[in-house]
N, C-alpha and C. Protein backbone atom coordinates (compact mmCIF):
# COMPACT_ATOMS: atom_id res chain seq x y z
N HIS A 1 26.00 -13.57 31.24
CA HIS A 1 24.80 -14.67 31.38
C HIS A 1 23.22 -14.10 30.42
N THR A 2 23.41 -14.68 29.93
CA THR A 2 22.26 -13.77 28.90
C THR A 2 20.53 -14.44 29.54
N SER A 3 20.27 -13.69 29.04
CA SER A 3 18.34 -14.34 29.89
C SER A 3 17.57 -15.18 28.09
N HIS A 4 16.94 -15.83 28.55
CA HIS A 4 16.10 -16.40 26.89
C HIS A 4 16.04 -15.52 26.19
N ARG A 5 15.59 -14.01 26.16
CA ARG A 5 15.33 -13.50 25.04
C ARG A 5 17.00 -13.07 24.53
N GLU A 6 17.18 -12.75 25.20
CA GLU A 6 18.98 -13.18 24.21
C GLU A 6 19.85 -13.66 24.22
N ARG A 7 20.99 -13.56 23.54
CA ARG A 7 22.50 -14.36 23.45
C ARG A 7 23.29 -13.38 22.82
N MET A 8 24.19 -13.70 23.41
CA MET A 8 25.73 -13.59 22.07
C MET A 8 26.23 -13.53 20.90
N THR A 9 26.82 -13.26 19.20
CA THR A 9 27.68 -13.21 18.86
C THR A 9 28.61 -12.70 18.57
N GLU A 10 29.18 -13.09 19.02
CA GLU A 10 30.48 -12.45 17.89
C GLU A 10 30.70 -11.20 18.85
N GLY A 11 30.30 -11.08 20.46
CA GLY A 11 30.40 -9.79 21.55
C GLY A 11 28.79 -8.76 21.42
N VAL A 12 28.32 -9.02 20.74
CA VAL A 12 27.25 -8.54 19.98
C VAL A 12 25.93 -8.87 20.65
N SER A 13 25.10 -9.01 21.86
CA SER A 13 23.33 -9.67 22.05
C SER A 13 22.46 -9.65 21.45
N ARG A 14 21.84 -10.06 21.15
CA ARG A 14 21.25 -10.53 19.78
C ARG A 14 19.65 -11.06 20.89
N ILE A 15 18.50 -10.28 19.61
CA ILE A 15 17.54 -10.04 20.75
C ILE A 15 16.14 -10.55 20.37
N LYS A 16 14.81 -11.02 20.38
CA LYS A 16 14.02 -11.01 19.17
C LYS A 16 13.49 -10.14 19.17
N LEU A 17 12.40 -9.39 18.42
CA LEU A 17 11.45 -8.98 17.98
C LEU A 17 10.79 -9.10 17.65
N GLY A 18 9.08 -8.96 18.28
CA GLY A 18 7.72 -9.83 18.11
C GLY A 18 7.50 -11.27 18.53
N SER A 19 6.83 -12.01 17.86
CA SER A 19 5.68 -12.92 18.28
C SER A 19 6.79 -14.17 18.07
N GLN A 20 6.64 -13.68 15.87
CA GLN A 20 7.49 -14.92 14.94
C GLN A 20 8.86 -15.11 14.83
N GLY A 21 9.83 -15.60 15.94
CA GLY A 21 10.61 -15.28 16.35
C GLY A 21 11.76 -14.49 14.61
N LEU A 22 12.52 -13.42 14.88
CA LEU A 22 13.09 -13.14 14.21
C LEU A 22 13.38 -12.24 15.14
N GLU A 23 14.98 -12.51 14.76
CA GLU A 23 16.18 -12.25 15.81
C GLU A 23 16.70 -11.82 14.72
N VAL A 24 17.39 -10.17 15.57
CA VAL A 24 18.63 -9.59 15.02
C VAL A 24 18.99 -8.70 16.00
N SER A 25 20.85 -8.25 16.33
CA SER A 25 21.28 -7.70 16.65
C SER A 25 21.07 -6.85 17.86
N ALA A 26 21.45 -6.57 19.30
CA ALA A 26 20.41 -5.56 19.54
C ALA A 26 21.27 -4.20 19.15
N GLN A 27 22.10 -4.31 18.34
CA GLN A 27 22.74 -2.69 18.23
C GLN A 27 22.27 -2.79 16.90
N GLY A 28 22.04 -2.35 16.30
CA GLY A 28 22.08 -2.26 14.66
C GLY A 28 22.83 -0.81 14.70
N LEU A 29 22.93 -0.57 12.58
CA LEU A 29 23.99 0.29 12.65
C LEU A 29 22.54 0.68 11.37
N GLY A 30 22.74 2.11 11.58
CA GLY A 30 21.82 3.04 11.33
C GLY A 30 22.10 3.95 9.61
N CYS A 31 22.20 4.08 8.45
CA CYS A 31 22.66 3.61 7.42
C CYS A 31 22.41 5.34 6.21
N MET A 32 21.67 5.92 6.52
CA MET A 32 21.60 7.15 6.90
C MET A 32 22.91 8.91 6.64
N SER A 33 22.93 9.20 7.00
CA SER A 33 24.26 9.60 7.33
C SER A 33 25.18 9.14 5.66
N MET A 34 24.96 7.74 5.69
CA MET A 34 26.67 7.65 4.53
C MET A 34 25.75 8.19 3.20
N SER A 35 24.75 8.79 3.28
CA SER A 35 24.08 8.98 1.88
C SER A 35 23.28 10.11 1.38
N ALA A 36 23.09 10.62 2.83
CA ALA A 36 22.00 11.83 3.00
C ALA A 36 22.30 12.60 4.62
N PHE A 37 21.86 14.10 3.76
CA PHE A 37 21.74 14.52 5.90
C PHE A 37 23.45 14.52 5.81
N TYR A 38 23.51 15.28 7.53
CA TYR A 38 24.60 14.67 7.38
C TYR A 38 25.89 15.42 7.06
N GLY A 39 26.23 16.53 6.15
CA GLY A 39 26.79 16.79 4.76
C GLY A 39 27.42 16.23 3.72
N PRO A 40 27.49 16.25 2.62
CA PRO A 40 27.61 15.71 1.21
C PRO A 40 27.81 13.17 2.03
N PRO A 41 27.12 12.90 0.40
CA PRO A 41 27.57 11.21 1.12
C PRO A 41 29.09 11.83 0.73
N LYS A 42 28.97 9.69 1.93
CA LYS A 42 30.63 9.81 2.14
C LYS A 42 30.70 8.67 1.16
N PRO A 43 31.95 8.78 0.92
CA PRO A 43 32.13 7.76 0.46
C PRO A 43 32.24 5.67 0.14
N GLU A 44 31.82 6.07 -0.77
CA GLU A 44 30.58 4.44 -1.71
C GLU A 44 32.13 3.33 -1.02
N ASP A 45 33.33 3.34 -0.73
CA ASP A 45 33.98 1.99 -1.15
C ASP A 45 33.97 1.64 0.60
N ASP A 46 34.35 3.41 1.29
CA ASP A 46 34.73 3.48 2.61
C ASP A 46 32.93 3.03 3.71
N MET A 47 31.48 3.64 2.07
CA MET A 47 31.57 3.52 3.87
C MET A 47 30.92 1.21 3.46
N ILE A 48 30.79 0.54 2.39
CA ILE A 48 31.14 -0.50 1.58
C ILE A 48 31.50 -1.42 3.02
N ALA A 49 32.45 -0.97 3.34
CA ALA A 49 33.62 -1.36 3.85
C ALA A 49 33.07 -1.30 5.35
N LEU A 50 32.45 -0.51 5.23
CA LEU A 50 32.17 -0.30 6.69
C LEU A 50 30.84 -0.84 6.86
N ILE A 51 30.01 -1.04 6.46
CA ILE A 51 28.88 -1.93 6.22
C ILE A 51 29.46 -3.21 7.05
N HIS A 52 30.19 -3.54 6.42
CA HIS A 52 31.06 -5.29 6.15
C HIS A 52 31.80 -5.42 8.08
N HIS A 53 32.49 -5.23 7.70
CA HIS A 53 32.76 -4.30 9.32
C HIS A 53 32.22 -4.97 10.09
N ALA A 54 30.94 -3.87 10.23
CA ALA A 54 29.88 -3.73 10.62
C ALA A 54 29.46 -5.21 11.33
N ILE A 55 28.76 -5.65 10.05
CA ILE A 55 28.65 -7.54 9.91
C ILE A 55 29.29 -7.84 10.69
N ASN A 56 30.27 -8.07 10.48
CA ASN A 56 31.54 -9.22 10.96
C ASN A 56 31.99 -9.17 12.66
N SER A 57 31.31 -7.62 12.92
CA SER A 57 31.00 -7.01 14.51
C SER A 57 30.63 -8.25 15.09
N GLY A 58 29.66 -9.10 14.20
CA GLY A 58 28.00 -9.60 14.94
C GLY A 58 26.65 -8.59 14.26
N ILE A 59 26.40 -7.07 14.48
CA ILE A 59 25.70 -6.18 14.30
C ILE A 59 25.02 -6.91 12.33
N THR A 60 23.72 -7.19 12.56
CA THR A 60 23.41 -7.73 11.56
C THR A 60 22.16 -7.17 11.22
N PHE A 61 21.61 -5.89 12.09
CA PHE A 61 20.10 -4.93 11.92
C PHE A 61 20.70 -3.84 11.26
N LEU A 62 20.07 -3.93 9.69
CA LEU A 62 20.64 -2.54 9.27
C LEU A 62 19.64 -1.77 8.75
N ASP A 63 19.83 -0.53 9.19
CA ASP A 63 18.34 0.01 8.58
C ASP A 63 18.45 1.39 7.43
N THR A 64 17.66 1.62 6.69
CA THR A 64 17.89 2.17 5.68
C THR A 64 16.55 3.08 5.57
N SER A 65 16.06 3.32 3.78
CA SER A 65 15.04 3.90 4.22
C SER A 65 15.26 4.17 2.10
N ASP A 66 14.65 4.65 1.22
CA ASP A 66 14.69 5.35 0.06
C ASP A 66 14.18 5.97 0.38
N TRP A 67 14.70 7.12 0.97
CA TRP A 67 13.67 8.41 1.74
C TRP A 67 15.68 9.45 1.25
N TYR A 68 16.85 7.97 1.88
CA TYR A 68 17.06 8.38 1.90
C TYR A 68 18.52 8.78 0.80
N GLY A 69 19.04 9.79 0.10
CA GLY A 69 19.22 10.41 -1.00
C GLY A 69 18.70 11.25 -1.74
N PRO A 70 17.42 10.97 -2.86
CA PRO A 70 15.94 9.41 -1.88
C PRO A 70 17.23 8.42 -2.86
N TRP A 71 16.55 7.54 -2.78
CA TRP A 71 17.31 6.29 -3.73
C TRP A 71 18.36 5.49 -2.97
N THR A 72 19.36 6.37 -3.09
CA THR A 72 21.21 6.18 -3.41
C THR A 72 21.70 5.23 -1.95
N ASN A 73 21.39 5.48 -0.93
CA ASN A 73 20.75 4.59 0.14
C ASN A 73 20.83 3.22 0.26
N GLU A 74 19.58 3.00 -0.31
CA GLU A 74 19.01 1.85 -0.92
C GLU A 74 20.34 1.20 -1.71
N ILE A 75 20.68 1.30 -3.08
CA ILE A 75 21.17 1.38 -3.79
C ILE A 75 22.63 0.79 -3.38
N LEU A 76 22.75 2.30 -1.65
CA LEU A 76 24.94 1.24 -1.49
C LEU A 76 24.15 0.44 -0.97
N LEU A 77 23.56 -0.05 -0.12
CA LEU A 77 23.27 -1.52 1.26
C LEU A 77 22.21 -2.52 -0.63
N GLY A 78 22.84 -2.64 -1.44
CA GLY A 78 21.98 -2.65 -2.33
C GLY A 78 24.55 -3.69 -3.06
N LYS A 79 24.30 -3.15 -3.19
CA LYS A 79 25.68 -2.59 -3.34
C LYS A 79 26.76 -3.95 -2.05
N ALA A 80 26.76 -2.92 -1.29
CA ALA A 80 27.10 -4.02 -0.22
C ALA A 80 27.12 -5.68 0.82
N LEU A 81 26.02 -5.70 -0.52
CA LEU A 81 24.96 -6.59 0.32
C LEU A 81 25.33 -8.20 -0.83
N LYS A 82 25.68 -7.78 -1.93
CA LYS A 82 26.01 -8.29 -2.34
C LYS A 82 27.31 -9.73 -2.69
N GLY A 83 26.86 -11.42 -3.23
CA GLY A 83 28.23 -11.70 -2.80
C GLY A 83 27.26 -12.62 -1.39
N GLY A 84 26.99 -12.65 -1.18
CA GLY A 84 26.73 -13.57 0.52
C GLY A 84 26.70 -12.58 1.91
N TRP A 85 26.55 -11.69 1.69
CA TRP A 85 25.91 -10.74 2.40
C TRP A 85 24.62 -10.30 3.25
N ARG A 86 24.49 -10.44 2.10
CA ARG A 86 22.95 -10.33 2.34
C ARG A 86 21.82 -11.43 3.14
N ASP A 87 22.40 -12.23 3.42
CA ASP A 87 21.46 -12.99 3.75
C ASP A 87 22.21 -13.65 5.23
N LYS A 88 23.28 -12.44 6.12
CA LYS A 88 23.92 -13.11 7.39
C LYS A 88 23.19 -11.23 7.78
N VAL A 89 21.92 -10.94 6.77
CA VAL A 89 21.45 -9.69 7.88
C VAL A 89 19.99 -9.18 7.67
N GLN A 90 19.18 -8.09 8.89
CA GLN A 90 18.06 -8.58 8.39
C GLN A 90 17.74 -6.39 8.42
N LEU A 91 17.43 -5.93 7.73
CA LEU A 91 16.52 -4.95 6.87
C LEU A 91 15.48 -4.01 7.15
N ALA A 92 16.01 -2.66 8.10
CA ALA A 92 14.72 -2.35 8.26
C ALA A 92 14.70 -0.64 7.18
N THR A 93 13.45 -0.27 6.81
CA THR A 93 12.50 0.42 6.37
C THR A 93 11.81 1.28 6.54
N LYS A 94 11.29 2.22 5.73
CA LYS A 94 10.15 3.27 5.91
C LYS A 94 9.94 2.83 4.57
N PHE A 95 8.01 3.39 4.79
CA PHE A 95 7.42 3.95 3.59
C PHE A 95 6.61 4.27 4.01
N GLY A 96 6.00 5.36 2.57
CA GLY A 96 4.43 6.42 3.11
C GLY A 96 5.66 7.53 2.92
N VAL A 97 6.60 7.45 3.23
CA VAL A 97 6.98 9.21 3.02
C VAL A 97 6.80 9.19 1.75
N ASN A 98 6.45 10.77 2.56
CA ASN A 98 6.50 11.53 0.69
C ASN A 98 7.32 12.97 0.62
N TRP A 99 8.04 12.19 -0.79
CA TRP A 99 9.22 13.10 -1.10
C TRP A 99 8.43 14.29 -2.40
N GLU A 100 8.84 15.59 -1.47
CA GLU A 100 8.18 16.89 -2.86
C GLU A 100 8.97 17.55 -2.15
N GLY A 101 10.78 17.30 -3.32
CA GLY A 101 11.97 17.93 -2.46
C GLY A 101 13.50 17.47 -2.37
N LYS A 102 13.89 18.55 -2.90
CA LYS A 102 15.09 18.30 -2.33
C LYS A 102 15.77 18.50 -1.76
N VAL A 103 16.64 17.55 -1.01
CA VAL A 103 17.42 18.36 0.62
C VAL A 103 18.56 19.20 0.41
N GLU A 104 18.71 20.20 0.16
CA GLU A 104 20.35 20.88 0.51
C GLU A 104 20.36 20.75 2.09
């Protein structure tokens, strides 16, 4: 049994954020390591397949930032969400990050 704040979609709980009615999957997909940090960027085709698998599994809350890469993570998400996929997700991002160098 789920509360009024939570309901199940394809096995993944959903929750409301804030007071405006935005509903997201309780479990999200952090996309940072797909494009930067924790080693070299991962193969684009594999990461697109992973994003699609997550969405098909009921995960609709994706976290990205222009800082990841920089910029390459948002480009990756753009490619993955073409063809109607964008309408199935909510995106979280960051802003105001001051990029002053190269991540190695």
